[in-house]
PDB file of N, CA and C in Angstrom:
ATOM      1  N   MET A   1     118.822  99.011 102.715  1.00  0.00           N
ATOM      2  CA  MET A   1     117.411  99.711 102.843  1.00  0.00           C
ATOM      3  C   MET A   1     116.525  98.541 103.165  1.00  0.00           C
ATOM      4  N   GLY A   2     115.760  98.603 104.053  1.00  0.00           N
ATOM      5  CA  GLY A   2     114.799  97.546 104.454  1.00  0.00           C
ATOM      6  C   GLY A   2     113.558  97.742 103.661  1.00  0.00           C
ATOM      7  N   PRO A   3     112.556  96.654 103.756  1.00  0.00           N
ATOM      8  CA  PRO A   3     111.465  96.578 103.015  1.00  0.00           C
ATOM      9  C   PRO A   3     110.469  97.771 103.378  1.00  0.00           C
ATOM     10  N   GLY A   4     109.732  98.207 102.457  1.00  0.00           N
ATOM     11  CA  GLY A   4     108.779  99.200 102.569  1.00  0.00           C
ATOM     12  C   GLY A   4     109.468 100.603 102.669  1.00  0.00           C
ATOM     13  N   ARG A   5     110.659 100.792 102.525  1.00  0.00           N
ATOM     14  CA  ARG A   5     111.439 102.028 102.427  1.00  0.00           C
ATOM     15  C   ARG A   5     111.461 102.478 100.972  1.00  0.00           C
ATOM     16  N   ILE A   6     111.210 103.805 100.695  1.00  0.00           N
ATOM     17  CA  ILE A   6     111.487 104.217  99.430  1.00  0.00           C
ATOM     18  C   ILE A   6     112.790 104.879  99.264  1.00  0.00           C
ATOM     19  N   MET A   7     113.544 104.577  98.135  1.00  0.00           N
ATOM     20  CA  MET A   7     114.841 105.193  97.888  1.00  0.00           C
ATOM     21  C   MET A   7     114.591 106.583  96.996  1.00  0.00           C
ATOM     22  N   LEU A   8     115.009 107.578  97.676  1.00  0.00           N
ATOM     23  CA  LEU A   8     114.803 108.959  97.012  1.00  0.00           C
ATOM     24  C   LEU A   8     116.042 109.017  95.944  1.00  0.00           C
ATOM     25  N   LEU A   9     115.525 109.264  94.658  1.00  0.00           N
ATOM     26  CA  LEU A   9     116.539 109.505  93.618  1.00  0.00           C
ATOM     27  C   LEU A   9     116.905 111.023  93.671  1.00  0.00           C
ATOM     28  N   PRO A  10     118.269 111.247  93.282  1.00  0.00           N
ATOM     29  CA  PRO A  10     118.723 112.620  93.103  1.00  0.00           C
ATOM     30  C   PRO A  10     117.917 113.308  91.933  1.00  0.00           C
ATOM     31  N   MET A  11     117.479 114.463  92.390  1.00  0.00           N
ATOM     32  CA  MET A  11     116.563 115.255  91.352  1.00  0.00           C
ATOM     33  C   MET A  11     117.123 116.491  90.705  1.00  0.00           C
ATOM     34  N   SER A  12     116.709 116.853  89.652  1.00  0.00           N
ATOM     35  CA  SER A  12     117.139 118.106  88.966  1.00  0.00           C
ATOM     36  C   SER A  12     115.836 118.651  88.594  1.00  0.00           C
ATOM     37  N   VAL A  13     115.718 119.987  88.337  1.00  0.00           N
ATOM     38  CA  VAL A  13     114.494 120.598  87.819  1.00  0.00           C
ATOM     39  C   VAL A  13     114.828 120.953  86.338  1.00  0.00           C
ATOM     40  N   PHE A  14     113.828 120.723  85.605  1.00  0.00           N
ATOM     41  CA  PHE A  14     114.060 121.124  84.142  1.00  0.00           C
ATOM     42  C   PHE A  14     112.939 121.975  83.615  1.00  0.00           C
ATOM     43  N   ALA A  15     113.437 122.853  82.914  1.00  0.00           N
ATOM     44  CA  ALA A  15     112.408 123.855  82.125  1.00  0.00           C
ATOM     45  C   ALA A  15     112.326 123.214  80.924  1.00  0.00           C
ATOM     46  N   VAL A  16     111.093 122.753  80.680  1.00  0.00           N
ATOM     47  CA  VAL A  16     110.774 122.208  79.259  1.00  0.00           C
ATOM     48  C   VAL A  16     109.863 123.288  78.491  1.00  0.00           C
ATOM     49  N   GLU A  17     110.183 123.368  77.314  1.00  0.00           N
ATOM     50  CA  GLU A  17     109.517 124.404  76.500  1.00  0.00           C
ATOM     51  C   GLU A  17     108.885 123.525  75.319  1.00  0.00           C
ATOM     52  N   TYR A  18     107.654 123.653  75.160  1.00  0.00           N
ATOM     53  CA  TYR A  18     106.879 122.942  73.987  1.00  0.00           C
ATOM     54  C   TYR A  18     106.797 124.216  72.958  1.00  0.00           C
ATOM     55  N   VAL A  19     107.038 124.083  71.850  1.00  0.00           N
ATOM     56  CA  VAL A  19     106.613 125.001  70.836  1.00  0.00           C
ATOM     57  C   VAL A  19     105.864 124.241  69.737  1.00  0.00           C
ATOM     58  N   TYR A  20     104.520 124.639  69.611  1.00  0.00           N
ATOM     59  CA  TYR A  20     103.426 123.892  68.977  1.00  0.00           C
ATOM     60  C   TYR A  20     103.682 124.052  67.379  1.00  0.00           C
ATOM     61  N   VAL A  21     103.338 123.025  66.632  1.00  0.00           N
ATOM     62  CA  VAL A  21     103.155 122.912  65.237  1.00  0.00           C
ATOM     63  C   VAL A  21     102.151 124.186  64.792  1.00  0.00           C
ATOM     64  N   ALA A  22     102.404 124.957  63.884  1.00  0.00           N
ATOM     65  CA  ALA A  22     101.403 125.939  63.523  1.00  0.00           C
ATOM     66  C   ALA A  22     100.207 125.268  63.121  1.00  0.00           C
ATOM     67  N   ASP A  23      98.944 125.693  63.149  1.00  0.00           N
ATOM     68  CA  ASP A  23      97.728 125.410  62.730  1.00  0.00           C
ATOM     69  C   ASP A  23      97.297 124.025  63.312  1.00  0.00           C
ATOM     70  N   THR A  24      97.826 123.698  64.530  1.00  0.00           N
ATOM     71  CA  THR A  24      97.171 122.462  65.258  1.00  0.00           C
ATOM     72  C   THR A  24      96.256 122.743  66.360  1.00  0.00           C
ATOM     73  N   GLU A  25      95.660 124.043  66.333  1.00  0.00           N
ATOM     74  CA  GLU A  25      94.836 124.310  67.592  1.00  0.00           C
ATOM     75  C   GLU A  25      93.757 123.313  67.738  1.00  0.00           C
ATOM     76  N   SER A  26      93.055 122.852  66.619  1.00  0.00           N
ATOM     77  CA  SER A  26      91.999 121.801  66.746  1.00  0.00           C
ATOM     78  C   SER A  26      92.304 120.636  67.215  1.00  0.00           C
ATOM     79  N   ILE A  27      93.624 120.166  66.822  1.00  0.00           N
ATOM     80  CA  ILE A  27      94.238 118.806  67.361  1.00  0.00           C
ATOM     81  C   ILE A  27      94.454 119.018  68.774  1.00  0.00           C
ATOM     82  N   ARG A  28      95.082 120.051  69.182  1.00  0.00           N
ATOM     83  CA  ARG A  28      95.215 120.355  70.623  1.00  0.00           C
ATOM     84  C   ARG A  28      94.100 120.296  71.533  1.00  0.00           C
ATOM     85  N   ASP A  29      93.087 121.057  70.953  1.00  0.00           N
ATOM     86  CA  ASP A  29      91.740 121.000  71.670  1.00  0.00           C
ATOM     87  C   ASP A  29      91.212 119.642  71.826  1.00  0.00           C
ATOM     88  N   GLU A  30      91.249 118.840  70.764  1.00  0.00           N
ATOM     89  CA  GLU A  30      90.861 117.510  70.887  1.00  0.00           C
ATOM     90  C   GLU A  30      91.490 116.605  72.015  1.00  0.00           C
ATOM     91  N   HIS A  31      92.811 116.855  72.008  1.00  0.00           N
ATOM     92  CA  HIS A  31      93.594 116.043  72.881  1.00  0.00           C
ATOM     93  C   HIS A  31      93.893 116.626  74.182  1.00  0.00           C
ATOM     94  N   ARG A  32      93.594 117.953  74.477  1.00  0.00           N
ATOM     95  CA  ARG A  32      93.910 118.513  75.735  1.00  0.00           C
ATOM     96  C   ARG A  32      93.383 117.805  77.112  1.00  0.00           C
ATOM     97  N   PRO A  33      92.095 117.277  76.997  1.00  0.00           N
ATOM     98  CA  PRO A  33      91.845 116.638  78.157  1.00  0.00           C
ATOM     99  C   PRO A  33      92.895 115.488  78.591  1.00  0.00           C
ATOM    100  N   ALA A  34      93.286 114.599  77.518  1.00  0.00           N
ATOM    101  CA  ALA A  34      94.328 113.601  77.834  1.00  0.00           C
ATOM    102  C   ALA A  34      95.658 114.211  78.037  1.00  0.00           C
ATOM    103  N   HIS A  35      96.026 115.154  77.518  1.00  0.00           N
ATOM    104  CA  HIS A  35      97.291 115.971  77.820  1.00  0.00           C
ATOM    105  C   HIS A  35      97.318 116.407  79.292  1.00  0.00           C
ATOM    106  N   ARG A  36      96.256 116.942  79.687  1.00  0.00           N
ATOM    107  CA  ARG A  36      96.089 117.465  81.162  1.00  0.00           C
ATOM    108  C   ARG A  36      96.070 116.203  82.084  1.00  0.00           C
ATOM    109  N   GLU A  37      95.429 115.245  81.695  1.00  0.00           N
ATOM    110  CA  GLU A  37      95.506 114.042  82.498  1.00  0.00           C
ATOM    111  C   GLU A  37      97.009 113.456  82.666  1.00  0.00           C
ATOM    112  N   PHE A  38      97.680 113.484  81.453  1.00  0.00           N
ATOM    113  CA  PHE A  38      98.998 112.981  81.567  1.00  0.00           C
ATOM    114  C   PHE A  38      99.816 113.829  82.447  1.00  0.00           C
ATOM    115  N   LEU A  39      99.670 115.176  82.411  1.00  0.00           N
ATOM    116  CA  LEU A  39     100.514 115.976  83.211  1.00  0.00           C
ATOM    117  C   LEU A  39     100.055 115.851  84.835  1.00  0.00           C
ATOM    118  N   ALA A  40      98.713 115.666  84.986  1.00  0.00           N
ATOM    119  CA  ALA A  40      98.435 115.378  86.301  1.00  0.00           C
ATOM    120  C   ALA A  40      99.058 113.959  86.864  1.00  0.00           C
ATOM    121  N   GLY A  41      99.388 113.148  85.999  1.00  0.00           N
ATOM    122  CA  GLY A  41      99.888 111.915  86.377  1.00  0.00           C
ATOM    123  C   GLY A  41     101.349 111.969  86.709  1.00  0.00           C
ATOM    124  N   LEU A  42     101.933 113.077  86.311  1.00  0.00           N
ATOM    125  CA  LEU A  42     103.471 113.317  86.860  1.00  0.00           C
ATOM    126  C   LEU A  42     103.597 113.745  88.172  1.00  0.00           C
ATOM    127  N   VAL A  43     103.569 112.721  88.908  1.00  0.00           N
ATOM    128  CA  VAL A  43     103.666 112.831  90.449  1.00  0.00           C
ATOM    129  C   VAL A  43     104.958 111.915  90.616  1.00  0.00           C
ATOM    130  N   ALA A  44     105.660 112.477  91.807  1.00  0.00           N
ATOM    131  CA  ALA A  44     106.867 111.564  92.215  1.00  0.00           C
ATOM    132  C   ALA A  44     106.420 110.332  92.622  1.00  0.00           C
ATOM    133  N   ASP A  45     106.728 109.139  91.758  1.00  0.00           N
ATOM    134  CA  ASP A  45     106.520 107.805  92.030  1.00  0.00           C
ATOM    135  C   ASP A  45     107.768 107.185  91.866  1.00  0.00           C
ATOM    136  N   SER A  46     107.753 105.929  91.540  1.00  0.00           N
ATOM    137  CA  SER A  46     108.873 105.045  91.348  1.00  0.00           C
ATOM    138  C   SER A  46     110.023 105.554  90.519  1.00  0.00           C
ATOM    139  N   ASP A  47     109.590 106.270  89.485  1.00  0.00           N
ATOM    140  CA  ASP A  47     110.566 106.846  88.345  1.00  0.00           C
ATOM    141  C   ASP A  47     111.104 108.291  88.938  1.00  0.00           C
ATOM    142  N   GLY A  48     110.430 108.886  89.961  1.00  0.00           N
ATOM    143  CA  GLY A  48     110.897 110.105  90.406  1.00  0.00           C
ATOM    144  C   GLY A  48     110.549 111.432  89.675  1.00  0.00           C
ATOM    145  N   ILE A  49     109.754 111.281  88.740  1.00  0.00           N
ATOM    146  CA  ILE A  49     109.393 112.397  87.862  1.00  0.00           C
ATOM    147  C   ILE A  49     108.228 113.174  88.311  1.00  0.00           C
ATOM    148  N   ALA A  50     108.294 114.469  88.618  1.00  0.00           N
ATOM    149  CA  ALA A  50     107.140 115.194  89.168  1.00  0.00           C
ATOM    150  C   ALA A  50     107.043 116.658  88.542  1.00  0.00           C
ATOM    151  N   LEU A  51     105.741 116.856  88.117  1.00  0.00           N
ATOM    152  CA  LEU A  51     105.392 118.118  87.702  1.00  0.00           C
ATOM    153  C   LEU A  51     105.395 119.248  88.782  1.00  0.00           C
ATOM    154  N   VAL A  52     106.307 120.331  88.583  1.00  0.00           N
ATOM    155  CA  VAL A  52     106.220 121.431  89.452  1.00  0.00           C
ATOM    156  C   VAL A  52     105.271 122.421  89.158  1.00  0.00           C
ATOM    157  N   ALA A  53     105.362 122.825  87.844  1.00  0.00           N
ATOM    158  CA  ALA A  53     104.289 123.814  87.439  1.00  0.00           C
ATOM    159  C   ALA A  53     104.215 123.599  85.838  1.00  0.00           C
ATOM    160  N   SER A  54     103.146 124.149  85.181  1.00  0.00           N
ATOM    161  CA  SER A  54     102.984 124.163  83.770  1.00  0.00           C
ATOM    162  C   SER A  54     101.955 125.029  83.313  1.00  0.00           C
ATOM    163  N   GLY A  55     101.938 125.462  82.111  1.00  0.00           N
ATOM    164  CA  GLY A  55     100.933 126.264  81.548  1.00  0.00           C
ATOM    165  C   GLY A  55     101.345 126.686  80.197  1.00  0.00           C
ATOM    166  N   PRO A  56     100.297 127.151  79.329  1.00  0.00           N
ATOM    167  CA  PRO A  56     100.573 127.573  78.050  1.00  0.00           C
ATOM    168  C   PRO A  56     100.958 129.076  77.933  1.00  0.00           C
ATOM    169  N   TYR A  57     101.573 129.406  76.844  1.00  0.00           N
ATOM    170  CA  TYR A  57     101.863 130.740  76.646  1.00  0.00           C
ATOM    171  C   TYR A  57     100.572 131.401  76.179  1.00  0.00           C
ATOM    172  N   VAL A  58     100.431 132.707  76.483  1.00  0.00           N
ATOM    173  CA  VAL A  58      99.214 133.378  76.289  1.00  0.00           C
ATOM    174  C   VAL A  58      98.920 133.426  74.754  1.00  0.00           C
ATOM    175  N   ASP A  59     100.036 133.589  73.857  1.00  0.00           N
ATOM    176  CA  ASP A  59      99.925 133.772  72.610  1.00  0.00           C
ATOM    177  C   ASP A  59      99.406 132.440  71.813  1.00  0.00           C
ATOM    178  N   GLY A  60      99.382 131.431  72.519  1.00  0.00           N
ATOM    179  CA  GLY A  60      98.977 130.006  71.904  1.00  0.00           C
ATOM    180  C   GLY A  60     100.137 129.373  71.180  1.00  0.00           C
ATOM    181  N   SER A  61     101.543 129.976  71.318  1.00  0.00           N
ATOM    182  CA  SER A  61     102.552 129.396  70.487  1.00  0.00           C
ATOM    183  C   SER A  61     103.123 128.020  71.164  1.00  0.00           C
ATOM    184  N   GLY A  62     102.935 127.872  72.442  1.00  0.00           N
ATOM    185  CA  GLY A  62     103.504 126.773  73.085  1.00  0.00           C
ATOM    186  C   GLY A  62     103.185 126.728  74.666  1.00  0.00           C
ATOM    187  N   ALA A  63     104.092 126.128  75.364  1.00  0.00           N
ATOM    188  CA  ALA A  63     103.908 126.047  76.756  1.00  0.00           C
ATOM    189  C   ALA A  63     105.143 125.839  77.493  1.00  0.00           C
ATOM    190  N   LEU A  64     105.249 126.093  78.640  1.00  0.00           N
ATOM    191  CA  LEU A  64     106.508 126.117  79.687  1.00  0.00           C
ATOM    192  C   LEU A  64     106.041 124.991  80.682  1.00  0.00           C
ATOM    193  N   LEU A  65     106.770 124.028  80.805  1.00  0.00           N
ATOM    194  CA  LEU A  65     106.568 123.095  82.011  1.00  0.00           C
ATOM    195  C   LEU A  65     108.066 123.049  82.911  1.00  0.00           C
ATOM    196  N   LEU A  66     107.647 123.120  84.258  1.00  0.00           N
ATOM    197  CA  LEU A  66     108.881 122.931  85.061  1.00  0.00           C
ATOM    198  C   LEU A  66     108.555 121.621  85.792  1.00  0.00           C
ATOM    199  N   ILE A  67     109.532 120.706  85.742  1.00  0.00           N
ATOM    200  CA  ILE A  67     109.392 119.216  86.102  1.00  0.00           C
ATOM    201  C   ILE A  67     110.728 118.717  86.698  1.00  0.00           C
ATOM    202  N   ALA A  68     110.631 118.258  87.895  1.00  0.00           N
ATOM    203  CA  ALA A  68     111.576 117.483  88.506  1.00  0.00           C
ATOM    204  C   ALA A  68     111.725 116.257  88.075  1.00  0.00           C
ATOM    205  N   ALA A  69     113.046 115.760  87.769  1.00  0.00           N
ATOM    206  CA  ALA A  69     113.241 114.445  87.207  1.00  0.00           C
ATOM    207  C   ALA A  69     114.735 114.000  87.587  1.00  0.00           C
ATOM    208  N   PRO A  70     114.964 112.627  87.783  1.00  0.00           N
ATOM    209  CA  PRO A  70     116.311 112.153  88.084  1.00  0.00           C
ATOM    210  C   PRO A  70     117.295 112.385  86.976  1.00  0.00           C
ATOM    211  N   SER A  71     116.830 112.452  85.607  1.00  0.00           N
ATOM    212  CA  SER A  71     117.716 112.662  84.568  1.00  0.00           C
ATOM    213  C   SER A  71     116.933 113.186  83.378  1.00  0.00           C
ATOM    214  N   GLN A  72     117.674 113.969  82.447  1.00  0.00           N
ATOM    215  CA  GLN A  72     116.998 114.330  81.195  1.00  0.00           C
ATOM    216  C   GLN A  72     116.552 113.207  80.287  1.00  0.00           C
ATOM    217  N   ALA A  73     117.242 112.108  80.359  1.00  0.00           N
ATOM    218  CA  ALA A  73     116.976 110.914  79.619  1.00  0.00           C
ATOM    219  C   ALA A  73     115.530 110.522  79.988  1.00  0.00           C
ATOM    220  N   ALA A  74     115.468 110.131  81.302  1.00  0.00           N
ATOM    221  CA  ALA A  74     114.178 109.615  81.902  1.00  0.00           C
ATOM    222  C   ALA A  74     112.946 110.561  81.644  1.00  0.00           C
ATOM    223  N   LEU A  75     113.333 111.880  81.641  1.00  0.00           N
ATOM    224  CA  LEU A  75     112.267 112.794  81.398  1.00  0.00           C
ATOM    225  C   LEU A  75     111.788 112.814  79.937  1.00  0.00           C
ATOM    226  N   ALA A  76     112.810 112.726  79.069  1.00  0.00           N
ATOM    227  CA  ALA A  76     112.430 112.724  77.688  1.00  0.00           C
ATOM    228  C   ALA A  76     111.527 111.493  77.280  1.00  0.00           C
ATOM    229  N   GLU A  77     112.019 110.328  77.900  1.00  0.00           N
ATOM    230  CA  GLU A  77     111.186 109.034  77.604  1.00  0.00           C
ATOM    231  C   GLU A  77     109.883 109.299  78.081  1.00  0.00           C
ATOM    232  N   ARG A  78     109.719 109.873  79.253  1.00  0.00           N
ATOM    233  CA  ARG A  78     108.280 110.108  79.774  1.00  0.00           C
ATOM    234  C   ARG A  78     107.484 111.012  78.880  1.00  0.00           C
ATOM    235  N   LEU A  79     108.146 112.084  78.406  1.00  0.00           N
ATOM    236  CA  LEU A  79     107.282 113.186  77.640  1.00  0.00           C
ATOM    237  C   LEU A  79     106.966 112.842  76.371  1.00  0.00           C
ATOM    238  N   ALA A  80     107.652 111.661  75.694  1.00  0.00           N
ATOM    239  CA  ALA A  80     107.247 111.142  74.655  1.00  0.00           C
ATOM    240  C   ALA A  80     105.828 110.456  74.611  1.00  0.00           C
ATOM    241  N   LYS A  81     105.430 110.235  75.714  1.00  0.00           N
ATOM    242  CA  LYS A  81     104.073 109.669  75.921  1.00  0.00           C
ATOM    243  C   LYS A  81     102.996 110.584  76.116  1.00  0.00           C
ATOM    244  N   ASP A  82     103.435 112.005  76.155  1.00  0.00           N
ATOM    245  CA  ASP A  82     102.401 112.980  76.123  1.00  0.00           C
ATOM    246  C   ASP A  82     101.563 112.893  74.914  1.00  0.00           C
ATOM    247  N   PRO A  83     100.044 112.914  75.057  1.00  0.00           N
ATOM    248  CA  PRO A  83      99.211 112.876  73.945  1.00  0.00           C
ATOM    249  C   PRO A  83      99.582 113.991  72.941  1.00  0.00           C
ATOM    250  N   PHE A  84     100.020 115.193  73.364  1.00  0.00           N
ATOM    251  CA  PHE A  84     100.374 116.240  72.428  1.00  0.00           C
ATOM    252  C   PHE A  84     101.586 115.849  71.594  1.00  0.00           C
ATOM    253  N   ALA A  85     102.569 115.091  72.143  1.00  0.00           N
ATOM    254  CA  ALA A  85     103.825 114.524  71.323  1.00  0.00           C
ATOM    255  C   ALA A  85     103.196 113.494  70.437  1.00  0.00           C
ATOM    256  N   ILE A  86     102.448 112.438  70.840  1.00  0.00           N
ATOM    257  CA  ILE A  86     101.994 111.323  70.207  1.00  0.00           C
ATOM    258  C   ILE A  86     101.089 111.898  68.893  1.00  0.00           C
ATOM    259  N   ASN A  87     100.362 112.842  69.166  1.00  0.00           N
ATOM    260  CA  ASN A  87      99.457 113.297  67.995  1.00  0.00           C
ATOM    261  C   ASN A  87     100.190 114.497  67.214  1.00  0.00           C
ATOM    262  N   GLY A  88     101.521 114.636  67.251  1.00  0.00           N
ATOM    263  CA  GLY A  88     102.170 115.578  66.479  1.00  0.00           C
ATOM    264  C   GLY A  88     102.021 117.110  66.480  1.00  0.00           C
ATOM    265  N   THR A  89     101.794 117.588  67.697  1.00  0.00           N
ATOM    266  CA  THR A  89     101.399 119.006  67.812  1.00  0.00           C
ATOM    267  C   THR A  89     102.631 119.747  68.327  1.00  0.00           C
ATOM    268  N   ILE A  90     103.751 119.064  68.688  1.00  0.00           N
ATOM    269  CA  ILE A  90     104.951 119.679  69.218  1.00  0.00           C
ATOM    270  C   ILE A  90     105.992 119.676  68.182  1.00  0.00           C
ATOM    271  N   ALA A  91     106.215 120.888  67.803  1.00  0.00           N
ATOM    272  CA  ALA A  91     107.353 121.101  66.749  1.00  0.00           C
ATOM    273  C   ALA A  91     108.730 121.105  67.301  1.00  0.00           C
ATOM    274  N   VAL A  92     108.864 121.654  68.552  1.00  0.00           N
ATOM    275  CA  VAL A  92     110.070 121.743  69.210  1.00  0.00           C
ATOM    276  C   VAL A  92     109.891 121.488  70.630  1.00  0.00           C
ATOM    277  N   LEU A  93     110.753 120.582  71.175  1.00  0.00           N
ATOM    278  CA  LEU A  93     110.842 120.275  72.660  1.00  0.00           C
ATOM    279  C   LEU A  93     112.090 120.538  73.204  1.00  0.00           C
ATOM    280  N   ARG A  94     112.283 121.638  73.918  1.00  0.00           N
ATOM    281  CA  ARG A  94     113.473 121.928  74.439  1.00  0.00           C
ATOM    282  C   ARG A  94     113.600 121.680  75.984  1.00  0.00           C
ATOM    283  N   MET A  95     114.629 121.062  76.487  1.00  0.00           N
ATOM    284  CA  MET A  95     114.720 120.600  77.850  1.00  0.00           C
ATOM    285  C   MET A  95     116.038 121.402  78.450  1.00  0.00           C
ATOM    286  N   THR A  96     115.913 122.134  79.360  1.00  0.00           N
ATOM    287  CA  THR A  96     117.192 122.755  80.112  1.00  0.00           C
ATOM    288  C   THR A  96     117.193 122.548  81.424  1.00  0.00           C
ATOM    289  N   GLU A  97     118.166 122.004  81.995  1.00  0.00           N
ATOM    290  CA  GLU A  97     118.318 121.848  83.444  1.00  0.00           C
ATOM    291  C   GLU A  97     118.290 123.187  84.243  1.00  0.00           C
ATOM    292  N   TRP A  98     117.644 123.418  85.251  1.00  0.00           N
ATOM    293  CA  TRP A  98     117.385 124.754  85.770  1.00  0.00           C
ATOM    294  C   TRP A  98     117.557 124.665  87.293  1.00  0.00           C
ATOM    295  N   SER A  99     118.248 125.632  87.787  1.00  0.00           N
ATOM    296  CA  SER A  99     118.379 125.618  89.315  1.00  0.00           C
ATOM    297  C   SER A  99     117.509 126.828  89.870  1.00  0.00           C
ATOM    298  N   PRO A 100     116.402 126.673  90.484  1.00  0.00           N
ATOM    299  CA  PRO A 100     115.682 127.661  91.062  1.00  0.00           C
ATOM    300  C   PRO A 100     116.296 128.016  92.386  1.00  0.00           C
ATOM    301  N   VAL A 101     117.123 129.169  92.501  1.00  0.00           N
ATOM    302  CA  VAL A 101     117.934 129.566  93.641  1.00  0.00           C
ATOM    303  C   VAL A 101     117.119 130.493  94.632  1.00  0.00           C
ATOM    304  N   THR A 102     116.287 131.206  93.903  1.00  0.00           N
ATOM    305  CA  THR A 102     115.508 132.157  94.946  1.00  0.00           C
ATOM    306  C   THR A 102     113.866 131.986  94.503  1.00  0.00           C
ATOM    307  N   GLY A 103     113.084 132.502  95.379  1.00  0.00           N
ATOM    308  CA  GLY A 103     111.538 132.545  95.225  1.00  0.00           C
ATOM    309  C   GLY A 103     110.904 131.313  95.520  1.00  0.00           C
ATOM    310  N   GLU A 104     109.608 131.269  95.086  1.00  0.00           N
ATOM    311  CA  GLU A 104     108.846 130.065  95.695  1.00  0.00           C
ATOM    312  C   GLU A 104     109.148 128.727  95.280  1.00  0.00           C
ATOM    313  N   LEU A 105     109.968 128.666  94.279  1.00  0.00           N
ATOM    314  CA  LEU A 105     110.324 127.321  93.795  1.00  0.00           C
ATOM    315  C   LEU A 105     111.665 126.827  94.288  1.00  0.00           C
ATOM    316  N   ALA A 106     112.399 127.660  95.071  1.00  0.00           N
ATOM    317  CA  ALA A 106     113.760 127.350  95.486  1.00  0.00           C
ATOM    318  C   ALA A 106     113.918 126.109  96.120  1.00  0.00           C
ATOM    319  N   HIS A 107     112.960 125.652  96.789  1.00  0.00           N
ATOM    320  CA  HIS A 107     113.060 124.312  97.505  1.00  0.00           C
ATOM    321  C   HIS A 107     113.275 123.217  96.532  1.00  0.00           C
ATOM    322  N   HIS A 108     113.015 123.342  95.383  1.00  0.00           N
ATOM    323  CA  HIS A 108     113.195 122.257  94.385  1.00  0.00           C
ATOM    324  C   HIS A 108     114.856 122.119  93.842  1.00  0.00           C
ATOM    325  N   ALA A 109     115.506 123.107  94.313  1.00  0.00           N
ATOM    326  CA  ALA A 109     116.967 123.015  93.786  1.00  0.00           C
ATOM    327  C   ALA A 109     117.672 122.144  94.679  1.00  0.00           C
TER     328      ALA A 109
END
């Protein structure tokens, strides 16, 4: 590979579920701007991690994030830097490799 060329890493899509610690709404409100800035920074760069979509559950119990990443380990390492994780608002973080076969996100498979 010559200079100036970017090596594309093999990617998987992960469905990441955050389940929030009960009664942490005020902490999440305080850190939400930094959390959203963190998510906006998940763009395919040298580590290959890129946010596909994200959003909270309507009932406020957690959130679902779809993230392309070269490995689950790399993604877990990056998500540990989320301000919500750092500030103890996530009770459960579940990551499942997902294959979007049909629909608007199928090109990520």
